[in-house]
Amino acid sequence: MMRPAALAKLSLCLAAIVPLAGPAAAVADYPTDVVVDYVLGCMRSNGQTRETLRRCSCSIDVIASIVPYERYESAETFRRMALTTGEAASLFRETAPARAAGSDLRRAQAEAEIRCF
């Protein structure tokens, strides 16, 4: 059984550490398969090295710290649907929500590029 004084010290230590978690804590909101998919795609584009793995992991951490998962998911959906052909695909390219979601993600990716690459 933990004494009240020890419990209070532990609580203070945890309270001091949690704000320092930063981007890694934000990435915890992203499902693991989404993080892995992003890192693998990034490595496919930038090279299959240990250094690239580190940089791509940093990149998704930065993106997760800027864009909540729901916005990321929305932007990715708009992006993928915009790649389809036909008249209906214009809904995913030319509407205000599609542009706003894409803009948020591009800004986060630009910040990740600066910080990680």
N, C-alpha and C. Protein backbone atom coordinates (compact mmCIF):
# COMPACT_ATOMS: atom_id res chain seq x y z
N MET A 1 0.84 -1.18 0.00
CA MET A 1 0.00 0.00 0.00
C MET A 1 0.89 1.24 0.00
N MET A 2 0.56 2.21 -0.83
CA MET A 2 1.35 3.42 -0.96
C MET A 2 0.90 4.45 0.08
N ARG A 3 1.87 5.08 0.73
CA ARG A 3 1.55 6.11 1.72
C ARG A 3 1.08 7.37 1.00
N PRO A 4 0.27 8.20 1.67
CA PRO A 4 -0.24 9.42 1.06
C PRO A 4 0.87 10.36 0.59
N ALA A 5 1.97 10.46 1.33
CA ALA A 5 3.07 11.35 0.94
C ALA A 5 3.72 10.86 -0.35
N ALA A 6 3.92 9.55 -0.45
CA ALA A 6 4.52 8.97 -1.66
C ALA A 6 3.59 9.14 -2.85
N LEU A 7 2.30 8.97 -2.61
CA LEU A 7 1.31 9.14 -3.67
C LEU A 7 1.29 10.58 -4.16
N ALA A 8 1.39 11.52 -3.24
CA ALA A 8 1.41 12.94 -3.61
C ALA A 8 2.65 13.27 -4.45
N LYS A 9 3.81 12.72 -4.07
CA LYS A 9 5.05 12.95 -4.83
C LYS A 9 4.93 12.36 -6.24
N LEU A 10 4.37 11.15 -6.32
CA LEU A 10 4.18 10.51 -7.62
C LEU A 10 3.26 11.34 -8.50
N SER A 11 2.19 11.86 -7.93
CA SER A 11 1.25 12.70 -8.69
C SER A 11 1.93 13.95 -9.22
N LEU A 12 2.77 14.58 -8.38
CA LEU A 12 3.49 15.77 -8.81
C LEU A 12 4.47 15.45 -9.94
N CYS A 13 5.15 14.33 -9.83
CA CYS A 13 6.09 13.93 -10.89
C CYS A 13 5.36 13.70 -12.20
N LEU A 14 4.24 12.99 -12.14
CA LEU A 14 3.47 12.73 -13.35
C LEU A 14 2.92 14.02 -13.95
N ALA A 15 2.48 14.93 -13.10
CA ALA A 15 1.96 16.21 -13.58
C ALA A 15 3.03 17.01 -14.28
N ALA A 16 4.28 16.86 -13.85
CA ALA A 16 5.38 17.58 -14.49
C ALA A 16 5.79 16.94 -15.80
N ILE A 17 5.64 15.63 -15.91
CA ILE A 17 6.09 14.91 -17.10
C ILE A 17 5.09 14.99 -18.24
N VAL A 18 3.80 14.92 -17.96
CA VAL A 18 2.77 14.86 -19.00
C VAL A 18 2.87 16.02 -19.99
N PRO A 19 3.03 17.29 -19.58
CA PRO A 19 3.14 18.36 -20.58
C PRO A 19 4.36 18.22 -21.48
N LEU A 20 5.38 17.52 -21.02
CA LEU A 20 6.59 17.34 -21.82
C LEU A 20 6.44 16.28 -22.89
N ALA A 21 5.35 15.52 -22.84
CA ALA A 21 5.16 14.43 -23.79
C ALA A 21 5.06 14.94 -25.22
N GLY A 22 4.46 16.10 -25.44
CA GLY A 22 4.43 16.75 -26.74
C GLY A 22 3.82 15.91 -27.84
N PRO A 23 4.47 15.91 -29.04
CA PRO A 23 3.92 15.24 -30.21
C PRO A 23 3.67 13.76 -30.02
N ALA A 24 4.50 13.09 -29.25
CA ALA A 24 4.30 11.65 -29.06
C ALA A 24 2.95 11.38 -28.40
N ALA A 25 2.53 12.24 -27.50
CA ALA A 25 1.22 12.07 -26.87
C ALA A 25 0.11 12.30 -27.89
N ALA A 26 0.30 13.27 -28.78
CA ALA A 26 -0.71 13.55 -29.79
C ALA A 26 -0.85 12.39 -30.77
N VAL A 27 0.27 11.76 -31.10
CA VAL A 27 0.21 10.65 -32.06
C VAL A 27 -0.53 9.46 -31.46
N ALA A 28 -0.64 9.40 -30.14
CA ALA A 28 -1.38 8.33 -29.50
C ALA A 28 -2.86 8.39 -29.88
N ASP A 29 -3.34 9.55 -30.31
CA ASP A 29 -4.72 9.69 -30.75
C ASP A 29 -4.93 9.09 -32.15
N TYR A 30 -3.86 8.91 -32.89
CA TYR A 30 -3.94 8.33 -34.22
C TYR A 30 -3.87 6.81 -34.10
N PRO A 31 -4.72 6.08 -34.82
CA PRO A 31 -4.63 4.62 -34.78
C PRO A 31 -3.26 4.14 -35.30
N THR A 32 -2.77 3.06 -34.73
CA THR A 32 -1.46 2.54 -35.09
C THR A 32 -1.34 2.26 -36.58
N ASP A 33 -2.38 1.69 -37.19
CA ASP A 33 -2.30 1.36 -38.61
C ASP A 33 -2.17 2.62 -39.47
N VAL A 34 -2.75 3.73 -39.04
CA VAL A 34 -2.63 4.99 -39.78
C VAL A 34 -1.20 5.52 -39.68
N VAL A 35 -0.62 5.44 -38.49
CA VAL A 35 0.76 5.90 -38.29
C VAL A 35 1.72 5.06 -39.13
N VAL A 36 1.55 3.74 -39.09
CA VAL A 36 2.43 2.85 -39.85
C VAL A 36 2.26 3.09 -41.34
N ASP A 37 1.02 3.25 -41.81
CA ASP A 37 0.77 3.51 -43.22
C ASP A 37 1.46 4.79 -43.66
N TYR A 38 1.38 5.84 -42.85
CA TYR A 38 2.04 7.10 -43.18
C TYR A 38 3.56 6.92 -43.25
N VAL A 39 4.13 6.27 -42.24
CA VAL A 39 5.59 6.10 -42.20
C VAL A 39 6.06 5.25 -43.38
N LEU A 40 5.36 4.18 -43.70
CA LEU A 40 5.76 3.34 -44.84
C LEU A 40 5.66 4.11 -46.15
N GLY A 41 4.60 4.90 -46.33
CA GLY A 41 4.47 5.71 -47.53
C GLY A 41 5.57 6.75 -47.62
N CYS A 42 5.88 7.37 -46.50
CA CYS A 42 6.96 8.36 -46.45
C CYS A 42 8.29 7.72 -46.81
N MET A 43 8.55 6.53 -46.26
CA MET A 43 9.81 5.84 -46.56
C MET A 43 9.86 5.39 -48.02
N ARG A 44 8.73 5.02 -48.57
CA ARG A 44 8.68 4.63 -49.98
C ARG A 44 9.11 5.81 -50.86
N SER A 45 8.72 7.02 -50.44
CA SER A 45 9.04 8.23 -51.21
C SER A 45 10.44 8.75 -50.95
N ASN A 46 10.96 8.54 -49.75
CA ASN A 46 12.22 9.18 -49.35
C ASN A 46 13.39 8.24 -49.14
N GLY A 47 13.18 6.95 -49.26
CA GLY A 47 14.27 6.00 -49.10
C GLY A 47 14.05 5.06 -47.93
N GLN A 48 14.61 3.89 -48.04
CA GLN A 48 14.41 2.83 -47.05
C GLN A 48 15.60 2.73 -46.11
N THR A 49 15.90 3.81 -45.40
CA THR A 49 17.04 3.81 -44.48
C THR A 49 16.56 4.05 -43.06
N ARG A 50 17.44 3.75 -42.12
CA ARG A 50 17.12 3.98 -40.70
C ARG A 50 16.89 5.48 -40.44
N GLU A 51 17.69 6.32 -41.07
CA GLU A 51 17.54 7.77 -40.92
C GLU A 51 16.18 8.24 -41.45
N THR A 52 15.77 7.69 -42.59
CA THR A 52 14.46 8.05 -43.15
C THR A 52 13.34 7.59 -42.23
N LEU A 53 13.49 6.41 -41.63
CA LEU A 53 12.51 5.93 -40.67
C LEU A 53 12.35 6.93 -39.52
N ARG A 54 13.47 7.42 -39.01
CA ARG A 54 13.44 8.39 -37.92
C ARG A 54 12.74 9.67 -38.36
N ARG A 55 13.09 10.16 -39.54
CA ARG A 55 12.51 11.41 -40.05
C ARG A 55 11.02 11.27 -40.34
N CYS A 56 10.63 10.14 -40.93
CA CYS A 56 9.21 9.92 -41.24
C CYS A 56 8.39 9.77 -39.96
N SER A 57 8.95 9.12 -38.96
CA SER A 57 8.27 8.99 -37.67
C SER A 57 8.12 10.36 -37.02
N CYS A 58 9.15 11.17 -37.11
CA CYS A 58 9.09 12.54 -36.60
C CYS A 58 7.99 13.31 -37.33
N SER A 59 7.90 13.11 -38.63
CA SER A 59 6.93 13.83 -39.45
C SER A 59 5.50 13.56 -39.01
N ILE A 60 5.15 12.30 -38.80
CA ILE A 60 3.77 12.00 -38.38
C ILE A 60 3.53 12.49 -36.96
N ASP A 61 4.57 12.50 -36.12
CA ASP A 61 4.43 13.06 -34.77
C ASP A 61 4.08 14.54 -34.83
N VAL A 62 4.77 15.28 -35.71
CA VAL A 62 4.51 16.71 -35.85
C VAL A 62 3.10 16.94 -36.40
N ILE A 63 2.74 16.20 -37.43
CA ILE A 63 1.40 16.33 -38.01
C ILE A 63 0.34 16.06 -36.95
N ALA A 64 0.54 15.01 -36.16
CA ALA A 64 -0.43 14.66 -35.11
C ALA A 64 -0.52 15.72 -34.03
N SER A 65 0.58 16.45 -33.82
CA SER A 65 0.54 17.50 -32.80
C SER A 65 -0.20 18.75 -33.30
N ILE A 66 -0.36 18.86 -34.62
CA ILE A 66 -1.01 20.04 -35.21
C ILE A 66 -2.45 19.74 -35.63
N VAL A 67 -2.67 18.59 -36.24
CA VAL A 67 -3.98 18.25 -36.81
C VAL A 67 -4.60 17.11 -36.00
N PRO A 68 -5.76 17.31 -35.40
CA PRO A 68 -6.44 16.21 -34.70
C PRO A 68 -6.76 15.08 -35.69
N TYR A 69 -6.86 13.87 -35.17
CA TYR A 69 -7.06 12.72 -36.05
C TYR A 69 -8.30 12.87 -36.93
N GLU A 70 -9.37 13.40 -36.40
CA GLU A 70 -10.60 13.53 -37.19
C GLU A 70 -10.37 14.41 -38.42
N ARG A 71 -9.61 15.50 -38.25
CA ARG A 71 -9.30 16.39 -39.39
C ARG A 71 -8.36 15.68 -40.37
N TYR A 72 -7.40 14.94 -39.85
CA TYR A 72 -6.47 14.20 -40.70
C TYR A 72 -7.24 13.19 -41.54
N GLU A 73 -8.12 12.46 -40.89
CA GLU A 73 -8.92 11.44 -41.59
C GLU A 73 -9.78 12.08 -42.67
N SER A 74 -10.37 13.21 -42.38
CA SER A 74 -11.19 13.94 -43.35
C SER A 74 -10.35 14.39 -44.54
N ALA A 75 -9.19 14.97 -44.26
CA ALA A 75 -8.31 15.45 -45.34
C ALA A 75 -7.83 14.30 -46.21
N GLU A 76 -7.46 13.19 -45.59
CA GLU A 76 -7.01 12.02 -46.36
C GLU A 76 -8.14 11.46 -47.22
N THR A 77 -9.34 11.45 -46.69
CA THR A 77 -10.49 10.96 -47.46
C THR A 77 -10.74 11.86 -48.67
N PHE A 78 -10.75 13.18 -48.45
CA PHE A 78 -10.92 14.10 -49.57
C PHE A 78 -9.81 13.91 -50.61
N ARG A 79 -8.57 13.75 -50.14
CA ARG A 79 -7.43 13.60 -51.06
C ARG A 79 -7.58 12.33 -51.90
N ARG A 80 -7.91 11.23 -51.25
CA ARG A 80 -8.03 9.96 -51.99
C ARG A 80 -9.21 9.97 -52.95
N MET A 81 -10.32 10.55 -52.51
CA MET A 81 -11.49 10.60 -53.38
C MET A 81 -11.28 11.56 -54.55
N ALA A 82 -10.49 12.60 -54.36
CA ALA A 82 -10.20 13.55 -55.43
C ALA A 82 -9.39 12.90 -56.54
N LEU A 83 -8.71 11.82 -56.25
CA LEU A 83 -7.91 11.13 -57.26
C LEU A 83 -8.76 10.27 -58.19
N THR A 84 -10.02 10.05 -57.82
CA THR A 84 -10.89 9.26 -58.69
C THR A 84 -11.30 10.08 -59.90
N THR A 85 -11.79 9.41 -60.91
CA THR A 85 -12.19 10.10 -62.13
C THR A 85 -13.70 10.31 -62.13
N GLY A 86 -14.13 11.17 -63.00
CA GLY A 86 -15.56 11.41 -63.16
C GLY A 86 -16.01 12.72 -62.54
N GLU A 87 -17.24 13.06 -62.86
CA GLU A 87 -17.81 14.32 -62.41
C GLU A 87 -17.96 14.37 -60.90
N ALA A 88 -18.31 13.26 -60.29
CA ALA A 88 -18.52 13.23 -58.84
C ALA A 88 -17.24 13.54 -58.07
N ALA A 89 -16.09 13.25 -58.66
CA ALA A 89 -14.82 13.50 -57.98
C ALA A 89 -14.58 14.99 -57.76
N SER A 90 -15.23 15.83 -58.57
CA SER A 90 -15.05 17.28 -58.40
C SER A 90 -15.58 17.75 -57.04
N LEU A 91 -16.54 17.03 -56.48
CA LEU A 91 -17.03 17.35 -55.14
C LEU A 91 -15.91 17.26 -54.11
N PHE A 92 -14.98 16.37 -54.35
CA PHE A 92 -13.88 16.16 -53.41
C PHE A 92 -12.68 17.05 -53.70
N ARG A 93 -12.75 17.78 -54.80
CA ARG A 93 -11.64 18.68 -55.15
C ARG A 93 -12.01 20.14 -54.99
N GLU A 94 -13.24 20.49 -55.29
CA GLU A 94 -13.61 21.89 -55.47
C GLU A 94 -14.50 22.49 -54.39
N THR A 95 -14.92 21.71 -53.41
CA THR A 95 -15.79 22.27 -52.38
C THR A 95 -14.97 22.92 -51.27
N ALA A 96 -15.60 23.84 -50.56
CA ALA A 96 -14.91 24.54 -49.47
C ALA A 96 -14.41 23.58 -48.38
N PRO A 97 -15.21 22.60 -47.95
CA PRO A 97 -14.68 21.67 -46.93
C PRO A 97 -13.46 20.88 -47.42
N ALA A 98 -13.48 20.50 -48.69
CA ALA A 98 -12.34 19.75 -49.24
C ALA A 98 -11.09 20.62 -49.25
N ARG A 99 -11.25 21.86 -49.69
CA ARG A 99 -10.09 22.78 -49.72
C ARG A 99 -9.57 23.08 -48.32
N ALA A 100 -10.49 23.29 -47.37
CA ALA A 100 -10.08 23.61 -45.99
C ALA A 100 -9.34 22.43 -45.36
N ALA A 101 -9.87 21.23 -45.55
CA ALA A 101 -9.22 20.04 -44.97
C ALA A 101 -7.85 19.83 -45.59
N GLY A 102 -7.75 19.98 -46.89
CA GLY A 102 -6.46 19.83 -47.57
C GLY A 102 -5.47 20.89 -47.16
N SER A 103 -5.95 22.09 -46.96
CA SER A 103 -5.09 23.20 -46.56
C SER A 103 -4.50 22.97 -45.17
N ASP A 104 -5.32 22.50 -44.24
CA ASP A 104 -4.84 22.21 -42.88
C ASP A 104 -3.74 21.15 -42.92
N LEU A 105 -3.98 20.10 -43.68
CA LEU A 105 -3.01 19.01 -43.75
C LEU A 105 -1.73 19.46 -44.43
N ARG A 106 -1.83 20.24 -45.49
CA ARG A 106 -0.63 20.74 -46.18
C ARG A 106 0.21 21.63 -45.27
N ARG A 107 -0.44 22.47 -44.47
CA ARG A 107 0.29 23.31 -43.52
C ARG A 107 1.03 22.46 -42.49
N ALA A 108 0.36 21.44 -41.98
CA ALA A 108 1.00 20.55 -41.00
C ALA A 108 2.15 19.79 -41.63
N GLN A 109 1.98 19.35 -42.89
CA GLN A 109 3.06 18.64 -43.58
C GLN A 109 4.25 19.57 -43.83
N ALA A 110 3.98 20.82 -44.14
CA ALA A 110 5.07 21.79 -44.35
C ALA A 110 5.84 22.00 -43.05
N GLU A 111 5.13 22.10 -41.95
CA GLU A 111 5.79 22.25 -40.64
C GLU A 111 6.62 21.01 -40.32
N ALA A 112 6.07 19.83 -40.62
CA ALA A 112 6.80 18.58 -40.38
C ALA A 112 8.05 18.51 -41.25
N GLU A 113 7.96 18.99 -42.47
CA GLU A 113 9.11 19.02 -43.38
C GLU A 113 10.22 19.88 -42.79
N ILE A 114 9.85 21.03 -42.26
CA ILE A 114 10.84 21.95 -41.68
C ILE A 114 11.49 21.33 -40.44
N ARG A 115 10.69 20.74 -39.57
CA ARG A 115 11.22 20.21 -38.31
C ARG A 115 11.98 18.90 -38.46
N CYS A 116 11.58 18.07 -39.40
CA CYS A 116 12.10 16.70 -39.45
C CYS A 116 13.06 16.42 -40.60
N PHE A 117 12.96 17.16 -41.68
CA PHE A 117 13.81 16.86 -42.83
C PHE A 117 14.73 18.02 -43.06
